[in-house]
């Protein structure tokens, strides 16, 4: 008899557990997962850290290339600080700027370009 009672209330239990999970996730809009919210925040965080340490940036692009989990990023930077430096020194400037953020990542791809002198 108890088993029959449990079967009767199973759809209600499933509905309530789904509602509890949705409300604990922040009640955000449908289709935006925690991974998406986290990766956008991380991309903005990386961009801001670079802008603070390299004020001569004329172009910056940071994108999550890990499929949304925030483990690997691709960074494209054009900055005046890169003028006259070889590629290794340009990349070293970027990695030094993002040292604490890189420690939390699986990997990073860096593409650097010196700014044209007339910009």
PDB file of N, CA and C in Angstrom:
ATOM      1  N   UNK A   1       0.810  -1.183   0.000  1.00  0.00           N
ATOM      2  CA  UNK A   1       0.000   0.000   0.000  1.00  0.00           C
ATOM      3  C   UNK A   1       0.872   1.274   0.000  1.00  0.00           C
ATOM      4  N   UNK A   2       1.920   1.261   0.813  1.00  0.00           N
ATOM      5  CA  UNK A   2       2.815   2.409   0.874  1.00  0.00           C
ATOM      6  C   UNK A   2       3.486   2.655  -0.477  1.00  0.00           C
ATOM      7  N   UNK A   3       3.840   1.560  -1.177  1.00  0.00           N
ATOM      8  CA  UNK A   3       4.469   1.698  -2.500  1.00  0.00           C
ATOM      9  C   UNK A   3       3.521   2.371  -3.481  1.00  0.00           C
ATOM     10  N   UNK A   4       2.261   2.029  -3.429  1.00  0.00           N
ATOM     11  CA  UNK A   4       1.282   2.655  -4.320  1.00  0.00           C
ATOM     12  C   UNK A   4       1.165   4.148  -4.019  1.00  0.00           C
ATOM     13  N   UNK A   5       1.198   4.488  -2.758  1.00  0.00           N
ATOM     14  CA  UNK A   5       1.116   5.888  -2.374  1.00  0.00           C
ATOM     15  C   UNK A   5       2.330   6.671  -2.890  1.00  0.00           C
ATOM     16  N   UNK A   6       3.525   6.061  -2.818  1.00  0.00           N
ATOM     17  CA  UNK A   6       4.737   6.696  -3.323  1.00  0.00           C
ATOM     18  C   UNK A   6       4.634   6.890  -4.832  1.00  0.00           C
ATOM     19  N   UNK A   7       4.131   5.914  -5.542  1.00  0.00           N
ATOM     20  CA  UNK A   7       3.977   6.023  -7.001  1.00  0.00           C
ATOM     21  C   UNK A   7       3.009   7.135  -7.384  1.00  0.00           C
ATOM     22  N   UNK A   8       1.976   7.305  -6.586  1.00  0.00           N
ATOM     23  CA  UNK A   8       0.983   8.350  -6.881  1.00  0.00           C
ATOM     24  C   UNK A   8       1.625   9.731  -6.765  1.00  0.00           C
ATOM     25  N   UNK A   9       2.455   9.923  -5.748  1.00  0.00           N
ATOM     26  CA  UNK A   9       3.053  11.237  -5.508  1.00  0.00           C
ATOM     27  C   UNK A   9       4.389  11.458  -6.218  1.00  0.00           C
ATOM     28  N   UNK A  10       4.856  10.493  -6.980  1.00  0.00           N
ATOM     29  CA  UNK A  10       6.142  10.633  -7.671  1.00  0.00           C
ATOM     30  C   UNK A  10       6.173  11.812  -8.649  1.00  0.00           C
ATOM     31  N   UNK A  11       5.130  12.035  -9.477  1.00  0.00           N
ATOM     32  CA  UNK A  11       5.178  13.206 -10.369  1.00  0.00           C
ATOM     33  C   UNK A  11       5.269  14.528  -9.604  1.00  0.00           C
ATOM     34  N   UNK A  12       4.616  14.620  -8.474  1.00  0.00           N
ATOM     35  CA  UNK A  12       4.674  15.837  -7.664  1.00  0.00           C
ATOM     36  C   UNK A  12       6.086  16.021  -7.104  1.00  0.00           C
ATOM     37  N   UNK A  13       6.678  14.942  -6.617  1.00  0.00           N
ATOM     38  CA  UNK A  13       8.034  14.999  -6.080  1.00  0.00           C
ATOM     39  C   UNK A  13       9.026  15.433  -7.157  1.00  0.00           C
ATOM     40  N   UNK A  14       8.888  14.880  -8.362  1.00  0.00           N
ATOM     41  CA  UNK A  14       9.789  15.261  -9.463  1.00  0.00           C
ATOM     42  C   UNK A  14       9.637  16.735  -9.813  1.00  0.00           C
ATOM     43  N   UNK A  15       8.398  17.210  -9.840  1.00  0.00           N
ATOM     44  CA  UNK A  15       8.152  18.619 -10.160  1.00  0.00           C
ATOM     45  C   UNK A  15       8.768  19.527  -9.097  1.00  0.00           C
ATOM     46  N   UNK A  16       8.590  19.179  -7.831  1.00  0.00           N
ATOM     47  CA  UNK A  16       9.140  19.985  -6.748  1.00  0.00           C
ATOM     48  C   UNK A  16      10.661  19.978  -6.749  1.00  0.00           C
ATOM     49  N   UNK A  17      11.267  18.844  -7.025  1.00  0.00           N
ATOM     50  CA  UNK A  17      12.733  18.795  -7.032  1.00  0.00           C
ATOM     51  C   UNK A  17      13.303  19.604  -8.189  1.00  0.00           C
ATOM     52  N   UNK A  18      12.633  19.594  -9.356  1.00  0.00           N
ATOM     53  CA  UNK A  18      13.082  20.428 -10.482  1.00  0.00           C
ATOM     54  C   UNK A  18      12.955  21.905 -10.147  1.00  0.00           C
ATOM     55  N   UNK A  19      11.879  22.290  -9.480  1.00  0.00           N
ATOM     56  CA  UNK A  19      11.681  23.687  -9.100  1.00  0.00           C
ATOM     57  C   UNK A  19      12.738  24.122  -8.092  1.00  0.00           C
ATOM     58  N   UNK A  20      13.100  23.240  -7.176  1.00  0.00           N
ATOM     59  CA  UNK A  20      14.121  23.572  -6.181  1.00  0.00           C
ATOM     60  C   UNK A  20      15.478  23.767  -6.833  1.00  0.00           C
ATOM     61  N   UNK A  21      15.806  22.937  -7.804  1.00  0.00           N
ATOM     62  CA  UNK A  21      17.081  23.061  -8.512  1.00  0.00           C
ATOM     63  C   UNK A  21      17.117  24.372  -9.297  1.00  0.00           C
ATOM     64  N   UNK A  22      16.021  24.731  -9.950  1.00  0.00           N
ATOM     65  CA  UNK A  22      15.974  25.965 -10.735  1.00  0.00           C
ATOM     66  C   UNK A  22      16.117  27.189  -9.834  1.00  0.00           C
ATOM     67  N   UNK A  23      15.485  27.172  -8.682  1.00  0.00           N
ATOM     68  CA  UNK A  23      15.585  28.344  -7.807  1.00  0.00           C
ATOM     69  C   UNK A  23      16.964  28.453  -7.169  1.00  0.00           C
ATOM     70  N   UNK A  24      17.618  27.331  -6.894  1.00  0.00           N
ATOM     71  CA  UNK A  24      18.966  27.398  -6.316  1.00  0.00           C
ATOM     72  C   UNK A  24      19.994  27.818  -7.342  1.00  0.00           C
ATOM     73  N   UNK A  25      19.687  27.702  -8.636  1.00  0.00           N
ATOM     74  CA  UNK A  25      20.609  28.124  -9.687  1.00  0.00           C
ATOM     75  C   UNK A  25      20.537  29.624  -9.919  1.00  0.00           C
ATOM     76  N   UNK A  26      19.748  30.318  -9.132  1.00  0.00           N
ATOM     77  CA  UNK A  26      19.687  31.765  -9.253  1.00  0.00           C
ATOM     78  C   UNK A  26      18.482  32.243 -10.024  1.00  0.00           C
ATOM     79  N   UNK A  27      17.680  31.339 -10.528  1.00  0.00           N
ATOM     80  CA  UNK A  27      16.485  31.737 -11.246  1.00  0.00           C
ATOM     81  C   UNK A  27      16.793  32.550 -12.480  1.00  0.00           C
ATOM     82  N   UNK A  28      17.886  32.287 -13.131  1.00  0.00           N
ATOM     83  CA  UNK A  28      18.285  33.069 -14.291  1.00  0.00           C
ATOM     84  C   UNK A  28      17.447  32.690 -15.493  1.00  0.00           C
ATOM     85  N   UNK A  29      17.644  33.396 -16.564  1.00  0.00           N
ATOM     86  CA  UNK A  29      16.863  33.164 -17.766  1.00  0.00           C
ATOM     87  C   UNK A  29      17.135  31.783 -18.333  1.00  0.00           C
ATOM     88  N   UNK A  30      16.129  31.193 -18.975  1.00  0.00           N
ATOM     89  CA  UNK A  30      16.328  29.858 -19.543  1.00  0.00           C
ATOM     90  C   UNK A  30      17.402  29.892 -20.615  1.00  0.00           C
ATOM     91  N   UNK A  31      18.218  28.860 -20.657  1.00  0.00           N
ATOM     92  CA  UNK A  31      19.245  28.776 -21.681  1.00  0.00           C
ATOM     93  C   UNK A  31      20.578  29.361 -21.252  1.00  0.00           C
ATOM     94  N   UNK A  32      20.624  30.049 -20.116  1.00  0.00           N
ATOM     95  CA  UNK A  32      21.919  30.565 -19.671  1.00  0.00           C
ATOM     96  C   UNK A  32      22.380  29.706 -18.505  1.00  0.00           C
ATOM     97  N   UNK A  33      23.376  28.909 -18.762  1.00  0.00           N
ATOM     98  CA  UNK A  33      23.881  27.992 -17.746  1.00  0.00           C
ATOM     99  C   UNK A  33      24.906  28.690 -16.864  1.00  0.00           C
ATOM    100  N   UNK A  34      25.247  28.040 -15.784  1.00  0.00           N
ATOM    101  CA  UNK A  34      26.276  28.583 -14.887  1.00  0.00           C
ATOM    102  C   UNK A  34      27.605  28.698 -15.620  1.00  0.00           C
ATOM    103  N   UNK A  35      27.878  27.754 -16.531  1.00  0.00           N
ATOM    104  CA  UNK A  35      29.123  27.807 -17.299  1.00  0.00           C
ATOM    105  C   UNK A  35      29.181  29.064 -18.155  1.00  0.00           C
ATOM    106  N   UNK A  36      28.061  29.402 -18.805  1.00  0.00           N
ATOM    107  CA  UNK A  36      28.037  30.597 -19.649  1.00  0.00           C
ATOM    108  C   UNK A  36      28.252  31.852 -18.821  1.00  0.00           C
ATOM    109  N   UNK A  37      27.566  31.953 -17.678  1.00  0.00           N
ATOM    110  CA  UNK A  37      27.734  33.135 -16.830  1.00  0.00           C
ATOM    111  C   UNK A  37      29.158  33.230 -16.317  1.00  0.00           C
ATOM    112  N   UNK A  38      29.759  32.108 -15.947  1.00  0.00           N
ATOM    113  CA  UNK A  38      31.117  32.093 -15.420  1.00  0.00           C
ATOM    114  C   UNK A  38      32.129  32.469 -16.501  1.00  0.00           C
ATOM    115  N   UNK A  39      31.971  31.945 -17.724  1.00  0.00           N
ATOM    116  CA  UNK A  39      32.950  32.233 -18.766  1.00  0.00           C
ATOM    117  C   UNK A  39      32.924  33.700 -19.175  1.00  0.00           C
ATOM    118  N   UNK A  40      31.736  34.301 -19.235  1.00  0.00           N
ATOM    119  CA  UNK A  40      31.657  35.719 -19.577  1.00  0.00           C
ATOM    120  C   UNK A  40      32.372  36.530 -18.508  1.00  0.00           C
ATOM    121  N   UNK A  41      32.144  36.202 -17.268  1.00  0.00           N
ATOM    122  CA  UNK A  41      32.794  36.904 -16.171  1.00  0.00           C
ATOM    123  C   UNK A  41      34.303  36.734 -16.257  1.00  0.00           C
ATOM    124  N   UNK A  42      34.770  35.550 -16.546  1.00  0.00           N
ATOM    125  CA  UNK A  42      36.211  35.286 -16.632  1.00  0.00           C
ATOM    126  C   UNK A  42      36.829  36.035 -17.812  1.00  0.00           C
ATOM    127  N   UNK A  43      36.133  36.068 -18.946  1.00  0.00           N
ATOM    128  CA  UNK A  43      36.643  36.809 -20.105  1.00  0.00           C
ATOM    129  C   UNK A  43      36.780  38.291 -19.775  1.00  0.00           C
ATOM    130  N   UNK A  44      35.771  38.842 -19.123  1.00  0.00           N
ATOM    131  CA  UNK A  44      35.834  40.249 -18.738  1.00  0.00           C
ATOM    132  C   UNK A  44      36.949  40.483 -17.723  1.00  0.00           C
ATOM    133  N   UNK A  45      37.111  39.543 -16.807  1.00  0.00           N
ATOM    134  CA  UNK A  45      38.159  39.660 -15.798  1.00  0.00           C
ATOM    135  C   UNK A  45      39.545  39.673 -16.453  1.00  0.00           C
ATOM    136  N   UNK A  46      39.766  38.792 -17.425  1.00  0.00           N
ATOM    137  CA  UNK A  46      41.050  38.759 -18.130  1.00  0.00           C
ATOM    138  C   UNK A  46      41.287  40.049 -18.912  1.00  0.00           C
ATOM    139  N   UNK A  47      40.256  40.531 -19.586  1.00  0.00           N
ATOM    140  CA  UNK A  47      40.380  41.779 -20.350  1.00  0.00           C
ATOM    141  C   UNK A  47      40.730  42.947 -19.439  1.00  0.00           C
ATOM    142  N   UNK A  48      40.049  43.048 -18.313  1.00  0.00           N
ATOM    143  CA  UNK A  48      40.312  44.150 -17.381  1.00  0.00           C
ATOM    144  C   UNK A  48      41.723  44.084 -16.795  1.00  0.00           C
ATOM    145  N   UNK A  49      42.178  42.871 -16.482  1.00  0.00           N
ATOM    146  CA  UNK A  49      43.535  42.726 -15.943  1.00  0.00           C
ATOM    147  C   UNK A  49      44.571  43.169 -16.978  1.00  0.00           C
ATOM    148  N   UNK A  50      44.358  42.825 -18.225  1.00  0.00           N
ATOM    149  CA  UNK A  50      45.286  43.246 -19.281  1.00  0.00           C
ATOM    150  C   UNK A  50      45.245  44.759 -19.486  1.00  0.00           C
ATOM    151  N   UNK A  51      44.044  45.334 -19.466  1.00  0.00           N
ATOM    152  CA  UNK A  51      43.922  46.781 -19.662  1.00  0.00           C
ATOM    153  C   UNK A  51      44.598  47.557 -18.531  1.00  0.00           C
ATOM    154  N   UNK A  52      44.531  47.018 -17.316  1.00  0.00           N
ATOM    155  CA  UNK A  52      45.188  47.686 -16.180  1.00  0.00           C
ATOM    156  C   UNK A  52      46.709  47.662 -16.316  1.00  0.00           C
ATOM    157  N   UNK A  53      47.249  46.518 -16.737  1.00  0.00           N
ATOM    158  CA  UNK A  53      48.707  46.400 -16.772  1.00  0.00           C
ATOM    159  C   UNK A  53      49.318  46.919 -18.074  1.00  0.00           C
ATOM    160  N   UNK A  54      48.550  46.953 -19.151  1.00  0.00           N
ATOM    161  CA  UNK A  54      49.048  47.458 -20.434  1.00  0.00           C
ATOM    162  C   UNK A  54      48.113  48.578 -20.912  1.00  0.00           C
ATOM    163  N   UNK A  55      48.318  49.807 -20.443  1.00  0.00           N
ATOM    164  CA  UNK A  55      47.395  50.895 -20.791  1.00  0.00           C
ATOM    165  C   UNK A  55      47.430  51.302 -22.265  1.00  0.00           C
ATOM    166  N   UNK A  56      48.429  50.856 -23.021  1.00  0.00           N
ATOM    167  CA  UNK A  56      48.529  51.210 -24.435  1.00  0.00           C
ATOM    168  C   UNK A  56      47.816  50.241 -25.364  1.00  0.00           C
ATOM    169  N   UNK A  57      46.897  49.452 -24.847  1.00  0.00           N
ATOM    170  CA  UNK A  57      46.176  48.484 -25.673  1.00  0.00           C
ATOM    171  C   UNK A  57      45.246  49.217 -26.629  1.00  0.00           C
ATOM    172  N   UNK A  58      45.347  48.872 -27.914  1.00  0.00           N
ATOM    173  CA  UNK A  58      44.454  49.440 -28.924  1.00  0.00           C
ATOM    174  C   UNK A  58      43.417  48.426 -29.391  1.00  0.00           C
ATOM    175  N   UNK A  59      43.659  47.138 -29.145  1.00  0.00           N
ATOM    176  CA  UNK A  59      42.691  46.088 -29.473  1.00  0.00           C
ATOM    177  C   UNK A  59      42.896  44.925 -28.512  1.00  0.00           C
ATOM    178  N   UNK A  60      41.788  44.372 -28.036  1.00  0.00           N
ATOM    179  CA  UNK A  60      41.866  43.196 -27.171  1.00  0.00           C
ATOM    180  C   UNK A  60      40.655  42.304 -27.432  1.00  0.00           C
ATOM    181  N   UNK A  61      40.923  41.025 -27.472  1.00  0.00           N
ATOM    182  CA  UNK A  61      39.858  40.034 -27.647  1.00  0.00           C
ATOM    183  C   UNK A  61      40.205  38.831 -26.790  1.00  0.00           C
ATOM    184  N   UNK A  62      39.286  38.451 -25.910  1.00  0.00           N
ATOM    185  CA  UNK A  62      39.466  37.279 -25.057  1.00  0.00           C
ATOM    186  C   UNK A  62      38.267  36.373 -25.285  1.00  0.00           C
ATOM    187  N   UNK A  63      38.534  35.113 -25.630  1.00  0.00           N
ATOM    188  CA  UNK A  63      37.429  34.178 -25.841  1.00  0.00           C
ATOM    189  C   UNK A  63      37.728  32.832 -25.198  1.00  0.00           C
ATOM    190  N   UNK A  64      36.670  32.231 -24.676  1.00  0.00           N
ATOM    191  CA  UNK A  64      36.750  30.917 -24.044  1.00  0.00           C
ATOM    192  C   UNK A  64      36.734  29.874 -25.151  1.00  0.00           C
ATOM    193  N   UNK A  65      37.803  29.087 -25.269  1.00  0.00           N
ATOM    194  CA  UNK A  65      37.883  28.065 -26.315  1.00  0.00           C
ATOM    195  C   UNK A  65      37.796  26.661 -25.730  1.00  0.00           C
ATOM    196  N   UNK A  66      37.306  26.587 -24.481  1.00  0.00           N
ATOM    197  CA  UNK A  66      37.219  25.286 -23.826  1.00  0.00           C
ATOM    198  C   UNK A  66      35.824  24.693 -23.897  1.00  0.00           C
ATOM    199  N   UNK A  67      34.945  25.297 -24.660  1.00  0.00           N
ATOM    200  CA  UNK A  67      33.584  24.782 -24.744  1.00  0.00           C
ATOM    201  C   UNK A  67      32.687  25.316 -23.646  1.00  0.00           C
ATOM    202  N   UNK A  68      33.107  26.357 -22.973  1.00  0.00           N
ATOM    203  CA  UNK A  68      32.262  26.987 -21.975  1.00  0.00           C
ATOM    204  C   UNK A  68      32.622  26.711 -20.536  1.00  0.00           C
ATOM    205  N   UNK A  69      33.606  25.876 -20.272  1.00  0.00           N
ATOM    206  CA  UNK A  69      33.924  25.559 -18.871  1.00  0.00           C
ATOM    207  C   UNK A  69      34.942  26.516 -18.273  1.00  0.00           C
ATOM    208  N   UNK A  70      35.552  27.374 -19.067  1.00  0.00           N
ATOM    209  CA  UNK A  70      36.482  28.366 -18.538  1.00  0.00           C
ATOM    210  C   UNK A  70      37.871  27.836 -18.240  1.00  0.00           C
ATOM    211  N   UNK A  71      38.262  26.745 -18.885  1.00  0.00           N
ATOM    212  CA  UNK A  71      39.568  26.151 -18.614  1.00  0.00           C
ATOM    213  C   UNK A  71      40.647  26.615 -19.588  1.00  0.00           C
ATOM    214  N   UNK A  72      40.251  27.087 -20.777  1.00  0.00           N
ATOM    215  CA  UNK A  72      41.237  27.493 -21.776  1.00  0.00           C
ATOM    216  C   UNK A  72      40.716  28.724 -22.527  1.00  0.00           C
ATOM    217  N   UNK A  73      41.601  29.685 -22.709  1.00  0.00           N
ATOM    218  CA  UNK A  73      41.221  30.942 -23.353  1.00  0.00           C
ATOM    219  C   UNK A  73      42.188  31.288 -24.469  1.00  0.00           C
ATOM    220  N   UNK A  74      41.676  32.064 -25.427  1.00  0.00           N
ATOM    221  CA  UNK A  74      42.501  32.617 -26.495  1.00  0.00           C
ATOM    222  C   UNK A  74      42.481  34.132 -26.341  1.00  0.00           C
ATOM    223  N   UNK A  75      43.674  34.726 -26.313  1.00  0.00           N
ATOM    224  CA  UNK A  75      43.817  36.161 -26.083  1.00  0.00           C
ATOM    225  C   UNK A  75      44.522  36.779 -27.279  1.00  0.00           C
ATOM    226  N   UNK A  76      43.898  37.794 -27.875  1.00  0.00           N
ATOM    227  CA  UNK A  76      44.500  38.574 -28.961  1.00  0.00           C
ATOM    228  C   UNK A  76      44.673  39.997 -28.448  1.00  0.00           C
ATOM    229  N   UNK A  77      45.910  40.479 -28.494  1.00  0.00           N
ATOM    230  CA  UNK A  77      46.195  41.810 -27.953  1.00  0.00           C
ATOM    231  C   UNK A  77      47.042  42.588 -28.948  1.00  0.00           C
ATOM    232  N   UNK A  78      46.648  43.846 -29.159  1.00  0.00           N
ATOM    233  CA  UNK A  78      47.461  44.798 -29.918  1.00  0.00           C
ATOM    234  C   UNK A  78      47.732  45.952 -28.968  1.00  0.00           C
ATOM    235  N   UNK A  79      49.027  46.230 -28.742  1.00  0.00           N
ATOM    236  CA  UNK A  79      49.367  47.268 -27.768  1.00  0.00           C
ATOM    237  C   UNK A  79      50.624  48.021 -28.174  1.00  0.00           C
ATOM    238  N   UNK A  80      50.697  49.267 -27.714  1.00  0.00           N
ATOM    239  CA  UNK A  80      51.870  50.094 -27.973  1.00  0.00           C
ATOM    240  C   UNK A  80      53.090  49.576 -27.221  1.00  0.00           C
ATOM    241  N   UNK A  81      52.877  48.898 -26.097  1.00  0.00           N
ATOM    242  CA  UNK A  81      53.987  48.363 -25.305  1.00  0.00           C
ATOM    243  C   UNK A  81      54.784  47.297 -26.057  1.00  0.00           C
ATOM    244  N   UNK A  82      54.220  46.726 -27.104  1.00  0.00           N
ATOM    245  CA  UNK A  82      54.891  45.664 -27.853  1.00  0.00           C
ATOM    246  C   UNK A  82      55.844  46.188 -28.926  1.00  0.00           C
ATOM    247  N   UNK A  83      55.808  47.479 -29.190  1.00  0.00           N
ATOM    248  CA  UNK A  83      56.659  48.047 -30.240  1.00  0.00           C
ATOM    249  C   UNK A  83      58.124  47.831 -29.875  1.00  0.00           C
ATOM    250  N   UNK A  84      58.879  47.230 -30.793  1.00  0.00           N
ATOM    251  CA  UNK A  84      60.305  47.004 -30.613  1.00  0.00           C
ATOM    252  C   UNK A  84      60.642  45.740 -29.836  1.00  0.00           C
ATOM    253  N   UNK A  85      59.647  45.003 -29.384  1.00  0.00           N
ATOM    254  CA  UNK A  85      59.902  43.762 -28.639  1.00  0.00           C
ATOM    255  C   UNK A  85      59.689  42.553 -29.542  1.00  0.00           C
ATOM    256  N   UNK A  86      60.492  41.511 -29.323  1.00  0.00           N
ATOM    257  CA  UNK A  86      60.248  40.286 -30.083  1.00  0.00           C
ATOM    258  C   UNK A  86      59.021  39.578 -29.505  1.00  0.00           C
ATOM    259  N   UNK A  87      58.544  38.565 -30.189  1.00  0.00           N
ATOM    260  CA  UNK A  87      57.296  37.887 -29.815  1.00  0.00           C
ATOM    261  C   UNK A  87      57.365  37.269 -28.415  1.00  0.00           C
ATOM    262  N   UNK A  88      58.504  36.703 -28.048  1.00  0.00           N
ATOM    263  CA  UNK A  88      58.637  36.082 -26.721  1.00  0.00           C
ATOM    264  C   UNK A  88      58.456  37.127 -25.626  1.00  0.00           C
ATOM    265  N   UNK A  89      59.062  38.297 -25.791  1.00  0.00           N
ATOM    266  CA  UNK A  89      58.928  39.350 -24.785  1.00  0.00           C
ATOM    267  C   UNK A  89      57.503  39.912 -24.752  1.00  0.00           C
ATOM    268  N   UNK A  90      56.848  39.971 -25.910  1.00  0.00           N
ATOM    269  CA  UNK A  90      55.448  40.406 -25.946  1.00  0.00           C
ATOM    270  C   UNK A  90      54.570  39.432 -25.157  1.00  0.00           C
ATOM    271  N   UNK A  91      54.771  38.150 -25.388  1.00  0.00           N
ATOM    272  CA  UNK A  91      53.978  37.131 -24.693  1.00  0.00           C
ATOM    273  C   UNK A  91      54.287  37.135 -23.196  1.00  0.00           C
ATOM    274  N   UNK A  92      55.544  37.401 -22.851  1.00  0.00           N
ATOM    275  CA  UNK A  92      55.918  37.457 -21.446  1.00  0.00           C
ATOM    276  C   UNK A  92      55.202  38.606 -20.735  1.00  0.00           C
ATOM    277  N   UNK A  93      55.029  39.734 -21.420  1.00  0.00           N
ATOM    278  CA  UNK A  93      54.266  40.842 -20.837  1.00  0.00           C
ATOM    279  C   UNK A  93      52.833  40.413 -20.543  1.00  0.00           C
ATOM    280  N   UNK A  94      52.231  39.681 -21.468  1.00  0.00           N
ATOM    281  CA  UNK A  94      50.850  39.218 -21.284  1.00  0.00           C
ATOM    282  C   UNK A  94      50.770  38.208 -20.141  1.00  0.00           C
ATOM    283  N   UNK A  95      51.667  37.229 -20.142  1.00  0.00           N
ATOM    284  CA  UNK A  95      51.602  36.205 -19.090  1.00  0.00           C
ATOM    285  C   UNK A  95      51.921  36.792 -17.712  1.00  0.00           C
ATOM    286  N   UNK A  96      52.815  37.766 -17.632  1.00  0.00           N
ATOM    287  CA  UNK A  96      53.082  38.418 -16.349  1.00  0.00           C
ATOM    288  C   UNK A  96      51.856  39.203 -15.870  1.00  0.00           C
ATOM    289  N   UNK A  97      51.119  39.772 -16.804  1.00  0.00           N
ATOM    290  CA  UNK A  97      49.911  40.523 -16.452  1.00  0.00           C
ATOM    291  C   UNK A  97      48.805  39.614 -15.939  1.00  0.00           C
ATOM    292  N   UNK A  98      48.782  38.372 -16.412  1.00  0.00           N
ATOM    293  CA  UNK A  98      47.706  37.434 -16.068  1.00  0.00           C
ATOM    294  C   UNK A  98      48.189  36.281 -15.187  1.00  0.00           C
ATOM    295  N   UNK A  99      49.268  36.487 -14.462  1.00  0.00           N
ATOM    296  CA  UNK A  99      49.889  35.396 -13.706  1.00  0.00           C
ATOM    297  C   UNK A  99      48.908  34.685 -12.776  1.00  0.00           C
ATOM    298  N   UNK A 100      48.144  35.400 -11.988  1.00  0.00           N
ATOM    299  CA  UNK A 100      47.227  34.742 -11.040  1.00  0.00           C
ATOM    300  C   UNK A 100      46.063  34.068 -11.767  1.00  0.00           C
ATOM    301  N   UNK A 101      45.590  34.662 -12.856  1.00  0.00           N
ATOM    302  CA  UNK A 101      44.484  34.062 -13.617  1.00  0.00           C
ATOM    303  C   UNK A 101      44.932  32.799 -14.346  1.00  0.00           C
ATOM    304  N   UNK A 102      46.162  32.814 -14.872  1.00  0.00           N
ATOM    305  CA  UNK A 102      46.685  31.659 -15.613  1.00  0.00           C
ATOM    306  C   UNK A 102      46.843  30.459 -14.683  1.00  0.00           C
ATOM    307  N   UNK A 103      47.131  30.696 -13.417  1.00  0.00           N
ATOM    308  CA  UNK A 103      47.302  29.596 -12.465  1.00  0.00           C
ATOM    309  C   UNK A 103      46.035  28.757 -12.328  1.00  0.00           C
ATOM    310  N   UNK A 104      44.871  29.344 -12.610  1.00  0.00           N
ATOM    311  CA  UNK A 104      43.598  28.641 -12.496  1.00  0.00           C
ATOM    312  C   UNK A 104      43.166  27.983 -13.801  1.00  0.00           C
ATOM    313  N   UNK A 105      43.898  28.204 -14.888  1.00  0.00           N
ATOM    314  CA  UNK A 105      43.499  27.711 -16.210  1.00  0.00           C
ATOM    315  C   UNK A 105      44.199  26.414 -16.565  1.00  0.00           C
ATOM    316  N   UNK A 106      43.631  25.752 -17.567  1.00  0.00           N
ATOM    317  CA  UNK A 106      44.279  24.586 -18.153  1.00  0.00           C
ATOM    318  C   UNK A 106      45.281  25.036 -19.213  1.00  0.00           C
ATOM    319  N   UNK A 107      44.915  26.062 -19.976  1.00  0.00           N
ATOM    320  CA  UNK A 107      45.809  26.549 -21.021  1.00  0.00           C
ATOM    321  C   UNK A 107      45.376  27.905 -21.536  1.00  0.00           C
ATOM    322  N   UNK A 108      46.279  28.537 -22.281  1.00  0.00           N
ATOM    323  CA  UNK A 108      46.002  29.848 -22.863  1.00  0.00           C
ATOM    324  C   UNK A 108      46.745  29.957 -24.194  1.00  0.00           C
ATOM    325  N   UNK A 109      46.078  30.527 -25.180  1.00  0.00           N
ATOM    326  CA  UNK A 109      46.702  30.841 -26.473  1.00  0.00           C
ATOM    327  C   UNK A 109      46.856  32.353 -26.536  1.00  0.00           C
ATOM    328  N   UNK A 110      48.044  32.804 -26.856  1.00  0.00           N
ATOM    329  CA  UNK A 110      48.306  34.235 -26.880  1.00  0.00           C
ATOM    330  C   UNK A 110      48.744  34.648 -28.287  1.00  0.00           C
ATOM    331  N   UNK A 111      48.104  35.692 -28.797  1.00  0.00           N
ATOM    332  CA  UNK A 111      48.480  36.284 -30.091  1.00  0.00           C
ATOM    333  C   UNK A 111      48.705  37.768 -29.823  1.00  0.00           C
ATOM    334  N   UNK A 112      49.886  38.269 -30.133  1.00  0.00           N
ATOM    335  CA  UNK A 112      50.196  39.672 -29.882  1.00  0.00           C
ATOM    336  C   UNK A 112      50.623  40.358 -31.166  1.00  0.00           C
ATOM    337  N   UNK A 113      50.338  41.653 -31.229  1.00  0.00           N
ATOM    338  CA  UNK A 113      50.714  42.492 -32.358  1.00  0.00           C
ATOM    339  C   UNK A 113      51.057  43.880 -31.831  1.00  0.00           C
ATOM    340  N   UNK A 114      52.192  44.431 -32.245  1.00  0.00           N
ATOM    341  CA  UNK A 114      52.470  45.824 -31.852  1.00  0.00           C
ATOM    342  C   UNK A 114      51.478  46.769 -32.542  1.00  0.00           C
ATOM    343  N   UNK A 115      51.071  47.799 -31.839  1.00  0.00           N
ATOM    344  CA  UNK A 115      50.172  48.807 -32.428  1.00  0.00           C
ATOM    345  C   UNK A 115      50.922  49.575 -33.488  1.00  0.00           C
ATOM    346  N   UNK A 116      50.222  49.949 -34.551  1.00  0.00           N
ATOM    347  CA  UNK A 116      50.852  50.850 -35.522  1.00  0.00           C
ATOM    348  C   UNK A 116      51.214  52.164 -34.819  1.00  0.00           C
ATOM    349  N   UNK A 117      52.329  52.729 -35.161  1.00  0.00           N
ATOM    350  CA  UNK A 117      52.837  53.911 -34.452  1.00  0.00           C
ATOM    351  C   UNK A 117      51.965  55.143 -34.652  1.00  0.00           C
ATOM    352  N   UNK A 118      51.132  55.177 -35.687  1.00  0.00           N
ATOM    353  CA  UNK A 118      50.305  56.363 -35.939  1.00  0.00           C
ATOM    354  C   UNK A 118      48.948  56.308 -35.234  1.00  0.00           C
ATOM    355  N   UNK A 119      48.667  55.273 -34.468  1.00  0.00           N
ATOM    356  CA  UNK A 119      47.371  55.194 -33.765  1.00  0.00           C
ATOM    357  C   UNK A 119      47.382  55.998 -32.515  1.00  0.00           C
TER     358      UNK A 119
END
